Amino acid sequence: TDSAEYKMWGNGIALPCASYVLSGIANEGAKTLGSLFDGSGGFPLAGAMNGIVPIWASEIEPYPIAVTKSRFNQIK
């Protein structure tokens, strides 16, 4: 529904901000990522953009889960 999508985006993080954080973490040697309170999957996406492999994500809302699964079918 539209309301589920608006809720997801309202609680999300801007990709450039997440990418900035994850690039610093990647520079320190991180190879994998777990995402708690995943939302729209911003951190796994930013991690993948910086060479970090997303392994798992935690979310309870069905719509954000579907969004993350559409991007990363290997995430548990």
N, C-alpha and C. Protein backbone atom coordinates (compact mmCIF):
# COMPACT_ATOMS: atom_id res chain seq x y z
N THR A 1 0.84 -1.20 0.00
CA THR A 1 0.00 0.00 0.00
C THR A 1 0.87 1.24 0.00
N ASP A 2 0.26 2.37 -0.37
CA ASP A 2 1.00 3.63 -0.34
C ASP A 2 1.46 3.97 1.07
N SER A 3 0.60 3.72 2.07
CA SER A 3 0.98 4.09 3.44
C SER A 3 2.18 3.27 3.92
N ALA A 4 2.27 2.01 3.54
CA ALA A 4 3.42 1.19 3.92
C ALA A 4 4.70 1.72 3.29
N GLU A 5 4.59 2.15 2.03
CA GLU A 5 5.76 2.70 1.35
C GLU A 5 6.18 4.03 1.98
N TYR A 6 5.22 4.91 2.26
CA TYR A 6 5.55 6.20 2.88
C TYR A 6 6.20 6.00 4.25
N LYS A 7 5.69 5.06 5.01
CA LYS A 7 6.26 4.76 6.33
C LYS A 7 7.71 4.28 6.19
N MET A 8 7.93 3.39 5.21
CA MET A 8 9.27 2.87 5.00
C MET A 8 10.25 3.99 4.64
N TRP A 9 9.88 4.83 3.68
CA TRP A 9 10.79 5.89 3.25
C TRP A 9 10.96 6.94 4.33
N GLY A 10 9.93 7.19 5.12
CA GLY A 10 10.03 8.17 6.20
C GLY A 10 11.00 7.74 7.28
N ASN A 11 11.17 6.44 7.45
CA ASN A 11 12.09 5.92 8.46
C ASN A 11 13.43 5.51 7.86
N GLY A 12 13.66 5.81 6.60
CA GLY A 12 14.88 5.38 5.91
C GLY A 12 16.05 6.33 6.12
N ILE A 13 17.14 6.01 5.48
CA ILE A 13 18.35 6.83 5.51
C ILE A 13 18.71 7.17 4.07
N ALA A 14 19.21 8.38 3.87
CA ALA A 14 19.64 8.79 2.53
C ALA A 14 20.86 7.97 2.13
N LEU A 15 20.86 7.45 0.91
CA LEU A 15 21.94 6.59 0.44
C LEU A 15 23.32 7.26 0.51
N PRO A 16 23.48 8.54 0.15
CA PRO A 16 24.81 9.14 0.27
C PRO A 16 25.32 9.16 1.72
N CYS A 17 24.44 9.35 2.67
CA CYS A 17 24.86 9.34 4.08
C CYS A 17 25.30 7.94 4.51
N ALA A 18 24.51 6.93 4.15
CA ALA A 18 24.86 5.55 4.48
C ALA A 18 26.16 5.15 3.79
N SER A 19 26.33 5.56 2.54
CA SER A 19 27.54 5.21 1.79
C SER A 19 28.78 5.85 2.43
N TYR A 20 28.64 7.07 2.91
CA TYR A 20 29.77 7.74 3.58
C TYR A 20 30.20 6.94 4.81
N VAL A 21 29.24 6.54 5.62
CA VAL A 21 29.54 5.77 6.83
C VAL A 21 30.17 4.42 6.46
N LEU A 22 29.56 3.71 5.51
CA LEU A 22 30.04 2.38 5.14
C LEU A 22 31.38 2.43 4.42
N SER A 23 31.69 3.52 3.72
CA SER A 23 33.01 3.61 3.08
C SER A 23 34.10 3.69 4.14
N GLY A 24 33.84 4.41 5.22
CA GLY A 24 34.81 4.47 6.32
C GLY A 24 34.97 3.11 6.99
N ILE A 25 33.88 2.42 7.17
CA ILE A 25 33.93 1.09 7.78
C ILE A 25 34.66 0.11 6.85
N ALA A 26 34.42 0.21 5.55
CA ALA A 26 35.12 -0.65 4.58
C ALA A 26 36.61 -0.36 4.59
N ASN A 27 36.99 0.90 4.73
CA ASN A 27 38.41 1.26 4.79
C ASN A 27 39.11 0.67 6.01
N GLU A 28 38.34 0.38 7.05
CA GLU A 28 38.90 -0.24 8.25
C GLU A 28 38.97 -1.76 8.13
N GLY A 29 38.47 -2.31 7.02
CA GLY A 29 38.64 -3.74 6.76
C GLY A 29 37.38 -4.58 6.88
N ALA A 30 36.22 -3.98 7.07
CA ALA A 30 34.99 -4.77 7.17
C ALA A 30 34.72 -5.49 5.85
N LYS A 31 34.31 -6.74 5.95
CA LYS A 31 34.03 -7.55 4.76
C LYS A 31 32.56 -7.94 4.66
N THR A 32 31.86 -8.03 5.81
CA THR A 32 30.45 -8.42 5.82
C THR A 32 29.65 -7.44 6.67
N LEU A 33 28.31 -7.51 6.51
CA LEU A 33 27.42 -6.56 7.16
C LEU A 33 26.13 -7.24 7.58
N GLY A 34 25.66 -6.93 8.77
CA GLY A 34 24.32 -7.29 9.22
C GLY A 34 23.56 -6.00 9.45
N SER A 35 22.29 -5.97 9.12
CA SER A 35 21.50 -4.74 9.22
C SER A 35 20.34 -4.93 10.18
N LEU A 36 20.41 -4.26 11.33
CA LEU A 36 19.36 -4.30 12.33
C LEU A 36 18.37 -3.18 12.05
N PHE A 37 17.07 -3.43 12.17
CA PHE A 37 16.03 -2.45 11.84
C PHE A 37 16.24 -1.97 10.41
N ASP A 38 16.25 -2.89 9.48
CA ASP A 38 16.71 -2.68 8.11
C ASP A 38 15.95 -1.64 7.31
N GLY A 39 14.65 -1.50 7.51
CA GLY A 39 13.89 -0.53 6.71
C GLY A 39 13.97 -0.86 5.24
N SER A 40 14.34 0.12 4.44
CA SER A 40 14.38 -0.05 2.98
C SER A 40 15.67 -0.68 2.48
N GLY A 41 16.54 -1.08 3.37
CA GLY A 41 17.78 -1.73 2.96
C GLY A 41 18.87 -0.76 2.55
N GLY A 42 18.84 0.43 3.10
CA GLY A 42 19.84 1.44 2.75
C GLY A 42 21.26 1.04 3.12
N PHE A 43 21.43 0.48 4.31
CA PHE A 43 22.78 0.08 4.72
C PHE A 43 23.31 -1.11 3.92
N PRO A 44 22.51 -2.16 3.67
CA PRO A 44 23.04 -3.22 2.80
C PRO A 44 23.40 -2.72 1.41
N LEU A 45 22.59 -1.83 0.86
CA LEU A 45 22.89 -1.29 -0.47
C LEU A 45 24.18 -0.47 -0.44
N ALA A 46 24.32 0.39 0.56
CA ALA A 46 25.54 1.19 0.68
C ALA A 46 26.75 0.31 0.94
N GLY A 47 26.55 -0.74 1.73
CA GLY A 47 27.65 -1.68 1.97
C GLY A 47 28.10 -2.35 0.69
N ALA A 48 27.15 -2.82 -0.10
CA ALA A 48 27.48 -3.47 -1.37
C ALA A 48 28.19 -2.51 -2.31
N MET A 49 27.81 -1.25 -2.28
CA MET A 49 28.47 -0.24 -3.12
C MET A 49 29.92 -0.01 -2.70
N ASN A 50 30.24 -0.37 -1.45
CA ASN A 50 31.58 -0.16 -0.93
C ASN A 50 32.35 -1.47 -0.71
N GLY A 51 31.89 -2.55 -1.33
CA GLY A 51 32.61 -3.82 -1.28
C GLY A 51 32.35 -4.65 -0.04
N ILE A 52 31.32 -4.32 0.73
CA ILE A 52 30.97 -5.11 1.92
C ILE A 52 29.78 -6.00 1.54
N VAL A 53 29.85 -7.27 1.91
CA VAL A 53 28.80 -8.22 1.56
C VAL A 53 27.73 -8.24 2.65
N PRO A 54 26.48 -7.88 2.31
CA PRO A 54 25.41 -7.98 3.30
C PRO A 54 25.04 -9.45 3.53
N ILE A 55 25.03 -9.87 4.80
CA ILE A 55 24.78 -11.26 5.17
C ILE A 55 23.35 -11.45 5.68
N TRP A 56 22.90 -10.54 6.57
CA TRP A 56 21.57 -10.68 7.14
C TRP A 56 20.95 -9.30 7.37
N ALA A 57 19.63 -9.29 7.49
CA ALA A 57 18.88 -8.07 7.78
C ALA A 57 17.71 -8.43 8.68
N SER A 58 17.38 -7.52 9.59
CA SER A 58 16.27 -7.73 10.51
C SER A 58 15.24 -6.62 10.32
N GLU A 59 14.01 -7.01 10.06
CA GLU A 59 12.91 -6.06 9.86
C GLU A 59 11.61 -6.79 10.15
N ILE A 60 10.58 -6.09 10.64
CA ILE A 60 9.31 -6.75 10.93
C ILE A 60 8.20 -6.37 9.97
N GLU A 61 8.35 -5.26 9.25
CA GLU A 61 7.31 -4.81 8.34
C GLU A 61 7.43 -5.53 6.99
N PRO A 62 6.33 -6.06 6.46
CA PRO A 62 6.38 -6.84 5.22
C PRO A 62 6.88 -6.07 4.01
N TYR A 63 6.47 -4.82 3.83
CA TYR A 63 6.88 -4.09 2.63
C TYR A 63 8.39 -3.86 2.58
N PRO A 64 9.03 -3.35 3.65
CA PRO A 64 10.49 -3.20 3.59
C PRO A 64 11.23 -4.52 3.41
N ILE A 65 10.69 -5.58 3.99
CA ILE A 65 11.32 -6.90 3.79
C ILE A 65 11.31 -7.26 2.31
N ALA A 66 10.19 -7.01 1.65
CA ALA A 66 10.08 -7.32 0.21
C ALA A 66 11.06 -6.47 -0.60
N VAL A 67 11.24 -5.20 -0.22
CA VAL A 67 12.17 -4.33 -0.94
C VAL A 67 13.60 -4.86 -0.81
N THR A 68 14.01 -5.19 0.41
CA THR A 68 15.36 -5.71 0.63
C THR A 68 15.56 -7.04 -0.10
N LYS A 69 14.57 -7.93 -0.05
CA LYS A 69 14.69 -9.21 -0.75
C LYS A 69 14.79 -9.04 -2.26
N SER A 70 14.14 -8.00 -2.79
CA SER A 70 14.22 -7.79 -4.24
C SER A 70 15.61 -7.33 -4.65
N ARG A 71 16.32 -6.67 -3.77
CA ARG A 71 17.69 -6.22 -4.06
C ARG A 71 18.72 -7.30 -3.75
N PHE A 72 18.50 -8.01 -2.66
CA PHE A 72 19.49 -8.97 -2.15
C PHE A 72 18.80 -10.28 -1.80
N ASN A 73 18.66 -11.16 -2.75
CA ASN A 73 17.95 -12.41 -2.48
C ASN A 73 18.77 -13.37 -1.62
N GLN A 74 20.07 -13.10 -1.42
CA GLN A 74 20.90 -13.98 -0.61
C GLN A 74 20.85 -13.63 0.88
N ILE A 75 20.27 -12.48 1.24
CA ILE A 75 20.21 -12.09 2.65
C ILE A 75 19.21 -12.95 3.39
N LYS A 76 19.59 -13.34 4.60
CA LYS A 76 18.69 -14.14 5.45
C LYS A 76 17.90 -13.21 6.34
